[in-house]
Amino acid sequence: PEHEEDLRKHHHISPLFAELEGLPPLLIQV
């Protein structure tokens, strides 16, 4: 929801801001 601006940076909503240690091999295409 738009009125919850801080929520958009929650690491489950925006994983860019997460602690990524321990994740498996990752391929990104863009």
PDB file of all heavy atoms in Angstrom:
ATOM      1  N   PRO A   1       0.797  -1.227   0.000  1.00  0.00           N
ATOM      2  CA  PRO A   1       0.000   0.000   0.000  1.00  0.00           C
ATOM      3  C   PRO A   1       0.831   1.279   0.000  1.00  0.00           C
ATOM      4  O   PRO A   1       1.813   1.387   0.731  1.00  0.00           O
ATOM      5  CB  PRO A   1      -0.831  -0.127   1.269  1.00  0.00           C
ATOM      6  CG  PRO A   1      -1.000  -1.605   1.444  1.00  0.00           C
ATOM      7  CD  PRO A   1       0.295  -2.210   0.969  1.00  0.00           C
ATOM      8  N   GLU A   2       0.398   2.225  -0.842  1.00  0.00           N
ATOM      9  CA  GLU A   2       1.177   3.442  -1.095  1.00  0.00           C
ATOM     10  C   GLU A   2       1.452   4.244   0.166  1.00  0.00           C
ATOM     11  O   GLU A   2       2.508   4.859   0.308  1.00  0.00           O
ATOM     12  CB  GLU A   2       0.428   4.304  -2.118  1.00  0.00           C
ATOM     13  CG  GLU A   2       1.264   5.409  -2.706  1.00  0.00           C
ATOM     14  CD  GLU A   2       0.551   6.071  -3.869  1.00  0.00           C
ATOM     15  OE1 GLU A   2      -0.683   5.980  -3.958  1.00  0.00           O
ATOM     16  OE2 GLU A   2       1.251   6.676  -4.688  1.00  0.00           O
ATOM     17  N   HIS A   3       0.505   4.248   1.115  1.00  0.00           N
ATOM     18  CA  HIS A   3       0.704   5.065   2.302  1.00  0.00           C
ATOM     19  C   HIS A   3       1.739   4.468   3.244  1.00  0.00           C
ATOM     20  O   HIS A   3       2.184   5.122   4.184  1.00  0.00           O
ATOM     21  CB  HIS A   3      -0.619   5.241   3.052  1.00  0.00           C
ATOM     22  CG  HIS A   3      -1.195   3.980   3.601  1.00  0.00           C
ATOM     23  ND1 HIS A   3      -1.936   3.112   2.832  1.00  0.00           N
ATOM     24  CD2 HIS A   3      -1.131   3.433   4.834  1.00  0.00           C
ATOM     25  CE1 HIS A   3      -2.326   2.088   3.576  1.00  0.00           C
ATOM     26  NE2 HIS A   3      -1.844   2.249   4.788  1.00  0.00           N
ATOM     27  N   GLU A   4       2.165   3.237   2.988  1.00  0.00           N
ATOM     28  CA  GLU A   4       3.187   2.600   3.807  1.00  0.00           C
ATOM     29  C   GLU A   4       4.496   2.603   3.032  1.00  0.00           C
ATOM     30  O   GLU A   4       4.993   1.576   2.597  1.00  0.00           O
ATOM     31  CB  GLU A   4       2.770   1.175   4.180  1.00  0.00           C
ATOM     32  CG  GLU A   4       1.473   1.109   4.972  1.00  0.00           C
ATOM     33  CD  GLU A   4       1.095  -0.320   5.323  1.00  0.00           C
ATOM     34  OE1 GLU A   4       1.988  -1.121   5.597  1.00  0.00           O
ATOM     35  OE2 GLU A   4      -0.113  -0.617   5.301  1.00  0.00           O
ATOM     36  N   GLU A   5       5.083   3.785   2.875  1.00  0.00           N
ATOM     37  CA  GLU A   5       6.251   3.944   2.015  1.00  0.00           C
ATOM     38  C   GLU A   5       7.432   3.106   2.494  1.00  0.00           C
ATOM     39  O   GLU A   5       8.168   2.538   1.687  1.00  0.00           O
ATOM     40  CB  GLU A   5       6.642   5.421   1.918  1.00  0.00           C
ATOM     41  CG  GLU A   5       5.596   6.269   1.192  1.00  0.00           C
ATOM     42  CD  GLU A   5       6.028   7.713   1.060  1.00  0.00           C
ATOM     43  OE1 GLU A   5       7.163   8.015   1.478  1.00  0.00           O
ATOM     44  OE2 GLU A   5       5.242   8.522   0.543  1.00  0.00           O
ATOM     45  N   ASP A   6       7.643   3.039   3.803  1.00  0.00           N
ATOM     46  CA  ASP A   6       8.773   2.271   4.314  1.00  0.00           C
ATOM     47  C   ASP A   6       8.631   0.793   3.993  1.00  0.00           C
ATOM     48  O   ASP A   6       9.628   0.077   3.882  1.00  0.00           O
ATOM     49  CB  ASP A   6       8.912   2.458   5.828  1.00  0.00           C
ATOM     50  CG  ASP A   6       9.369   3.864   6.188  1.00  0.00           C
ATOM     51  OD1 ASP A   6       9.901   4.547   5.300  1.00  0.00           O
ATOM     52  OD2 ASP A   6       9.196   4.264   7.352  1.00  0.00           O
ATOM     53  N   LEU A   7       7.389   0.335   3.851  1.00  0.00           N
ATOM     54  CA  LEU A   7       7.154  -1.078   3.588  1.00  0.00           C
ATOM     55  C   LEU A   7       7.753  -1.487   2.249  1.00  0.00           C
ATOM     56  O   LEU A   7       8.195  -2.628   2.080  1.00  0.00           O
ATOM     57  CB  LEU A   7       5.651  -1.373   3.613  1.00  0.00           C
ATOM     58  CG  LEU A   7       5.221  -2.839   3.448  1.00  0.00           C
ATOM     59  CD1 LEU A   7       5.801  -3.691   4.570  1.00  0.00           C
ATOM     60  CD2 LEU A   7       3.701  -2.951   3.442  1.00  0.00           C
ATOM     61  N   ARG A   8       7.815  -0.568   1.308  1.00  0.00           N
ATOM     62  CA  ARG A   8       8.339  -0.913  -0.015  1.00  0.00           C
ATOM     63  C   ARG A   8       9.834  -1.239   0.020  1.00  0.00           C
ATOM     64  O   ARG A   8      10.349  -1.839  -0.919  1.00  0.00           O
ATOM     65  CB  ARG A   8       8.086   0.223  -1.008  1.00  0.00           C
ATOM     66  CG  ARG A   8       6.622   0.384  -1.362  1.00  0.00           C
ATOM     67  CD  ARG A   8       6.483   1.235  -2.594  1.00  0.00           C
ATOM     68  NE  ARG A   8       5.095   1.574  -2.862  1.00  0.00           N
ATOM     69  CZ  ARG A   8       4.701   2.334  -3.864  1.00  0.00           C
ATOM     70  NH1 ARG A   8       5.598   2.825  -4.701  1.00  0.00           N
ATOM     71  NH2 ARG A   8       3.435   2.599  -4.055  1.00  0.00           N
ATOM     72  N   LYS A   9      10.516  -0.835   1.070  1.00  0.00           N
ATOM     73  CA  LYS A   9      11.940  -1.157   1.192  1.00  0.00           C
ATOM     74  C   LYS A   9      12.161  -2.350   2.116  1.00  0.00           C
ATOM     75  O   LYS A   9      13.307  -2.695   2.410  1.00  0.00           O
ATOM     76  CB  LYS A   9      12.729   0.054   1.684  1.00  0.00           C
ATOM     77  CG  LYS A   9      12.842   1.147   0.628  1.00  0.00           C
ATOM     78  CD  LYS A   9      13.864   2.185   0.999  1.00  0.00           C
ATOM     79  CE  LYS A   9      14.061   3.188  -0.128  1.00  0.00           C
ATOM     80  NZ  LYS A   9      15.113   4.194   0.176  1.00  0.00           N
ATOM     81  N   HIS A  10      11.077  -2.981   2.560  1.00  0.00           N
ATOM     82  CA  HIS A  10      11.214  -4.205   3.340  1.00  0.00           C
ATOM     83  C   HIS A  10      11.921  -5.237   2.461  1.00  0.00           C
ATOM     84  O   HIS A  10      11.626  -5.371   1.277  1.00  0.00           O
ATOM     85  CB  HIS A  10       9.835  -4.714   3.760  1.00  0.00           C
ATOM     86  CG  HIS A  10       9.866  -5.857   4.716  1.00  0.00           C
ATOM     87  ND1 HIS A  10      10.179  -7.138   4.330  1.00  0.00           N
ATOM     88  CD2 HIS A  10       9.629  -5.917   6.052  1.00  0.00           C
ATOM     89  CE1 HIS A  10      10.125  -7.943   5.373  1.00  0.00           C
ATOM     90  NE2 HIS A  10       9.805  -7.224   6.434  1.00  0.00           N
ATOM     91  N   HIS A  11      12.853  -5.972   3.028  1.00  0.00           N
ATOM     92  CA  HIS A  11      13.689  -6.843   2.199  1.00  0.00           C
ATOM     93  C   HIS A  11      12.913  -7.993   1.575  1.00  0.00           C
ATOM     94  O   HIS A  11      13.397  -8.608   0.616  1.00  0.00           O
ATOM     95  CB  HIS A  11      14.873  -7.381   3.005  1.00  0.00           C
ATOM     96  CG  HIS A  11      14.497  -8.239   4.173  1.00  0.00           C
ATOM     97  ND1 HIS A  11      14.104  -7.713   5.382  1.00  0.00           N
ATOM     98  CD2 HIS A  11      14.466  -9.585   4.317  1.00  0.00           C
ATOM     99  CE1 HIS A  11      13.848  -8.700   6.232  1.00  0.00           C
ATOM    100  NE2 HIS A  11      14.051  -9.848   5.611  1.00  0.00           N
ATOM    101  N   HIS A  12      11.717  -8.304   2.072  1.00  0.00           N
ATOM    102  CA  HIS A  12      10.901  -9.322   1.422  1.00  0.00           C
ATOM    103  C   HIS A  12      10.106  -8.740   0.255  1.00  0.00           C
ATOM    104  O   HIS A  12       9.649  -9.477  -0.623  1.00  0.00           O
ATOM    105  CB  HIS A  12       9.939  -9.975   2.417  1.00  0.00           C
ATOM    106  CG  HIS A  12      10.602 -10.981   3.303  1.00  0.00           C
ATOM    107  ND1 HIS A  12      10.043 -11.427   4.478  1.00  0.00           N
ATOM    108  CD2 HIS A  12      11.781 -11.628   3.197  1.00  0.00           C
ATOM    109  CE1 HIS A  12      10.852 -12.297   5.050  1.00  0.00           C
ATOM    110  NE2 HIS A  12      11.913 -12.427   4.292  1.00  0.00           N
ATOM    111  N   ILE A  13       9.915  -7.436   0.244  1.00  0.00           N
ATOM    112  CA  ILE A  13       9.225  -6.769  -0.859  1.00  0.00           C
ATOM    113  C   ILE A  13      10.235  -6.296  -1.902  1.00  0.00           C
ATOM    114  O   ILE A  13      10.006  -6.440  -3.104  1.00  0.00           O
ATOM    115  CB  ILE A  13       8.389  -5.591  -0.335  1.00  0.00           C
ATOM    116  CG1 ILE A  13       7.202  -6.118   0.470  1.00  0.00           C
ATOM    117  CG2 ILE A  13       7.911  -4.710  -1.474  1.00  0.00           C
ATOM    118  CD1 ILE A  13       6.360  -5.036   1.090  1.00  0.00           C
ATOM    119  N   SER A  14      11.331  -5.742  -1.434  1.00  0.00           N
ATOM    120  CA  SER A  14      12.403  -5.281  -2.318  1.00  0.00           C
ATOM    121  C   SER A  14      13.685  -6.016  -1.941  1.00  0.00           C
ATOM    122  O   SER A  14      14.495  -5.516  -1.158  1.00  0.00           O
ATOM    123  CB  SER A  14      12.595  -3.764  -2.175  1.00  0.00           C
ATOM    124  OG  SER A  14      11.452  -3.060  -2.614  1.00  0.00           O
ATOM    125  N   PRO A  15      13.891  -7.217  -2.474  1.00  0.00           N
ATOM    126  CA  PRO A  15      15.045  -8.028  -2.076  1.00  0.00           C
ATOM    127  C   PRO A  15      16.392  -7.396  -2.388  1.00  0.00           C
ATOM    128  O   PRO A  15      17.420  -7.870  -1.909  1.00  0.00           O
ATOM    129  CB  PRO A  15      14.843  -9.340  -2.847  1.00  0.00           C
ATOM    130  CG  PRO A  15      13.872  -9.024  -3.934  1.00  0.00           C
ATOM    131  CD  PRO A  15      13.010  -7.925  -3.410  1.00  0.00           C
ATOM    132  N   LEU A  16      16.396  -6.307  -3.163  1.00  0.00           N
ATOM    133  CA  LEU A  16      17.633  -5.572  -3.392  1.00  0.00           C
ATOM    134  C   LEU A  16      18.260  -5.140  -2.067  1.00  0.00           C
ATOM    135  O   LEU A  16      19.483  -5.050  -1.946  1.00  0.00           O
ATOM    136  CB  LEU A  16      17.352  -4.343  -4.255  1.00  0.00           C
ATOM    137  CG  LEU A  16      18.545  -3.434  -4.549  1.00  0.00           C
ATOM    138  CD1 LEU A  16      19.559  -4.150  -5.436  1.00  0.00           C
ATOM    139  CD2 LEU A  16      18.096  -2.137  -5.203  1.00  0.00           C
ATOM    140  N   PHE A  17      17.431  -4.878  -1.064  1.00  0.00           N
ATOM    141  CA  PHE A  17      17.915  -4.363   0.217  1.00  0.00           C
ATOM    142  C   PHE A  17      18.129  -5.463   1.262  1.00  0.00           C
ATOM    143  O   PHE A  17      18.315  -5.182   2.437  1.00  0.00           O
ATOM    144  CB  PHE A  17      16.920  -3.320   0.757  1.00  0.00           C
ATOM    145  CG  PHE A  17      16.652  -2.200  -0.199  1.00  0.00           C
ATOM    146  CD1 PHE A  17      15.412  -2.068  -0.812  1.00  0.00           C
ATOM    147  CD2 PHE A  17      17.641  -1.284  -0.523  1.00  0.00           C
ATOM    148  CE1 PHE A  17      15.160  -1.034  -1.711  1.00  0.00           C
ATOM    149  CE2 PHE A  17      17.407  -0.256  -1.419  1.00  0.00           C
ATOM    150  CZ  PHE A  17      16.160  -0.127  -2.015  1.00  0.00           C
ATOM    151  N   ALA A  18      18.108  -6.712   0.822  1.00  0.00           N
ATOM    152  CA  ALA A  18      18.208  -7.840   1.752  1.00  0.00           C
ATOM    153  C   ALA A  18      19.663  -8.242   1.987  1.00  0.00           C
ATOM    154  O   ALA A  18      20.569  -7.893   1.228  1.00  0.00           O
ATOM    155  CB  ALA A  18      17.426  -9.039   1.214  1.00  0.00           C
ATOM    156  N   GLU A  19      19.864  -9.002   3.058  1.00  0.00           N
ATOM    157  CA  GLU A  19      21.134  -9.675   3.297  1.00  0.00           C
ATOM    158  C   GLU A  19      21.101 -10.959   2.463  1.00  0.00           C
ATOM    159  O   GLU A  19      20.316 -11.856   2.739  1.00  0.00           O
ATOM    160  CB  GLU A  19      21.291  -9.992   4.784  1.00  0.00           C
ATOM    161  CG  GLU A  19      21.304  -8.770   5.691  1.00  0.00           C
ATOM    162  CD  GLU A  19      22.545  -7.916   5.473  1.00  0.00           C
ATOM    163  OE1 GLU A  19      23.595  -8.473   5.065  1.00  0.00           O
ATOM    164  OE2 GLU A  19      22.475  -6.694   5.707  1.00  0.00           O
ATOM    165  N   LEU A  20      21.950 -11.037   1.462  1.00  0.00           N
ATOM    166  CA  LEU A  20      21.862 -12.108   0.475  1.00  0.00           C
ATOM    167  C   LEU A  20      22.804 -13.278   0.752  1.00  0.00           C
ATOM    168  O   LEU A  20      22.842 -14.240  -0.020  1.00  0.00           O
ATOM    169  CB  LEU A  20      22.146 -11.548  -0.921  1.00  0.00           C
ATOM    170  CG  LEU A  20      21.228 -10.400  -1.385  1.00  0.00           C
ATOM    171  CD1 LEU A  20      21.689  -9.881  -2.744  1.00  0.00           C
ATOM    172  CD2 LEU A  20      19.771 -10.842  -1.444  1.00  0.00           C
ATOM    173  N   GLU A  21      23.550 -13.215   1.839  1.00  0.00           N
ATOM    174  CA  GLU A  21      24.493 -14.280   2.145  1.00  0.00           C
ATOM    175  C   GLU A  21      23.799 -15.640   2.181  1.00  0.00           C
ATOM    176  O   GLU A  21      22.701 -15.777   2.712  1.00  0.00           O
ATOM    177  CB  GLU A  21      25.162 -14.043   3.509  1.00  0.00           C
ATOM    178  CG  GLU A  21      26.134 -12.888   3.542  1.00  0.00           C
ATOM    179  CD  GLU A  21      25.470 -11.553   3.765  1.00  0.00           C
ATOM    180  OE1 GLU A  21      24.220 -11.522   3.865  1.00  0.00           O
ATOM    181  OE2 GLU A  21      26.185 -10.538   3.842  1.00  0.00           O
ATOM    182  N   GLY A  22      24.458 -16.633   1.610  1.00  0.00           N
ATOM    183  CA  GLY A  22      23.950 -17.994   1.691  1.00  0.00           C
ATOM    184  C   GLY A  22      23.002 -18.395   0.585  1.00  0.00           C
ATOM    185  O   GLY A  22      22.549 -19.546   0.558  1.00  0.00           O
ATOM    186  N   LEU A  23      22.674 -17.480  -0.336  1.00  0.00           N
ATOM    187  CA  LEU A  23      21.769 -17.843  -1.428  1.00  0.00           C
ATOM    188  C   LEU A  23      22.496 -18.743  -2.430  1.00  0.00           C
ATOM    189  O   LEU A  23      23.720 -18.689  -2.564  1.00  0.00           O
ATOM    190  CB  LEU A  23      21.242 -16.590  -2.133  1.00  0.00           C
ATOM    191  CG  LEU A  23      20.339 -15.655  -1.331  1.00  0.00           C
ATOM    192  CD1 LEU A  23      19.667 -14.656  -2.261  1.00  0.00           C
ATOM    193  CD2 LEU A  23      19.306 -16.412  -0.520  1.00  0.00           C
ATOM    194  N   PRO A  24      21.757 -19.568  -3.160  1.00  0.00           N
ATOM    195  CA  PRO A  24      22.372 -20.477  -4.134  1.00  0.00           C
ATOM    196  C   PRO A  24      22.873 -19.714  -5.360  1.00  0.00           C
ATOM    197  O   PRO A  24      22.607 -18.510  -5.503  1.00  0.00           O
ATOM    198  CB  PRO A  24      21.215 -21.415  -4.490  1.00  0.00           C
ATOM    199  CG  PRO A  24      19.990 -20.598  -4.278  1.00  0.00           C
ATOM    200  CD  PRO A  24      20.295 -19.739  -3.088  1.00  0.00           C
ATOM    201  N   PRO A  25      23.603 -20.387  -6.250  1.00  0.00           N
ATOM    202  CA  PRO A  25      24.071 -19.745  -7.482  1.00  0.00           C
ATOM    203  C   PRO A  25      22.917 -19.056  -8.211  1.00  0.00           C
ATOM    204  O   PRO A  25      21.808 -19.593  -8.296  1.00  0.00           O
ATOM    205  CB  PRO A  25      24.635 -20.908  -8.294  1.00  0.00           C
ATOM    206  CG  PRO A  25      25.088 -21.890  -7.255  1.00  0.00           C
ATOM    207  CD  PRO A  25      24.071 -21.778  -6.155  1.00  0.00           C
ATOM    208  N   LEU A  26      23.215 -17.869  -8.753  1.00  0.00           N
ATOM    209  CA  LEU A  26      22.162 -17.016  -9.297  1.00  0.00           C
ATOM    210  C   LEU A  26      22.554 -16.490 -10.672  1.00  0.00           C
ATOM    211  O   LEU A  26      23.650 -15.954 -10.858  1.00  0.00           O
ATOM    212  CB  LEU A  26      21.931 -15.844  -8.341  1.00  0.00           C
ATOM    213  CG  LEU A  26      20.880 -14.802  -8.714  1.00  0.00           C
ATOM    214  CD1 LEU A  26      19.489 -15.410  -8.721  1.00  0.00           C
ATOM    215  CD2 LEU A  26      20.929 -13.626  -7.728  1.00  0.00           C
ATOM    216  N   LEU A  27      21.643 -16.654 -11.640  1.00  0.00           N
ATOM    217  CA  LEU A  27      21.794 -16.056 -12.964  1.00  0.00           C
ATOM    218  C   LEU A  27      20.751 -14.971 -13.125  1.00  0.00           C
ATOM    219  O   LEU A  27      19.548 -15.214 -12.928  1.00  0.00           O
ATOM    220  CB  LEU A  27      21.615 -17.108 -14.062  1.00  0.00           C
ATOM    221  CG  LEU A  27      21.527 -16.565 -15.497  1.00  0.00           C
ATOM    222  CD1 LEU A  27      22.836 -15.910 -15.925  1.00  0.00           C
ATOM    223  CD2 LEU A  27      21.129 -17.660 -16.478  1.00  0.00           C
ATOM    224  N   ILE A  28      21.199 -13.769 -13.503  1.00  0.00           N
ATOM    225  CA  ILE A  28      20.303 -12.632 -13.717  1.00  0.00           C
ATOM    226  C   ILE A  28      20.392 -12.235 -15.186  1.00  0.00           C
ATOM    227  O   ILE A  28      21.483 -12.043 -15.718  1.00  0.00           O
ATOM    228  CB  ILE A  28      20.703 -11.425 -12.840  1.00  0.00           C
ATOM    229  CG1 ILE A  28      20.883 -11.847 -11.376  1.00  0.00           C
ATOM    230  CG2 ILE A  28      19.665 -10.310 -12.959  1.00  0.00           C
ATOM    231  CD1 ILE A  28      21.733 -10.879 -10.569  1.00  0.00           C
ATOM    232  N   GLN A  29      19.251 -12.116 -15.840  1.00  0.00           N
ATOM    233  CA  GLN A  29      19.203 -11.645 -17.225  1.00  0.00           C
ATOM    234  C   GLN A  29      18.355 -10.378 -17.288  1.00  0.00           C
ATOM    235  O   GLN A  29      17.274 -10.319 -16.691  1.00  0.00           O
ATOM    236  CB  GLN A  29      18.598 -12.705 -18.147  1.00  0.00           C
ATOM    237  CG  GLN A  29      19.448 -13.951 -18.317  1.00  0.00           C
ATOM    238  CD  GLN A  29      18.825 -14.935 -19.296  1.00  0.00           C
ATOM    239  OE1 GLN A  29      17.612 -14.988 -19.453  1.00  0.00           O
ATOM    240  NE2 GLN A  29      19.650 -15.727 -19.952  1.00  0.00           N
ATOM    241  N   VAL A  30      18.832  -9.385 -18.031  1.00  0.00           N
ATOM    242  CA  VAL A  30      18.090  -8.130 -18.163  1.00  0.00           C
ATOM    243  C   VAL A  30      18.413  -7.518 -19.516  1.00  0.00           C
ATOM    244  O   VAL A  30      19.492  -7.730 -20.069  1.00  0.00           O
ATOM    245  CB  VAL A  30      18.444  -7.159 -17.008  1.00  0.00           C
ATOM    246  CG1 VAL A  30      19.878  -6.660 -17.125  1.00  0.00           C
ATOM    247  CG2 VAL A  30      17.465  -5.995 -16.930  1.00  0.00           C
TER     248      VAL A  30
END
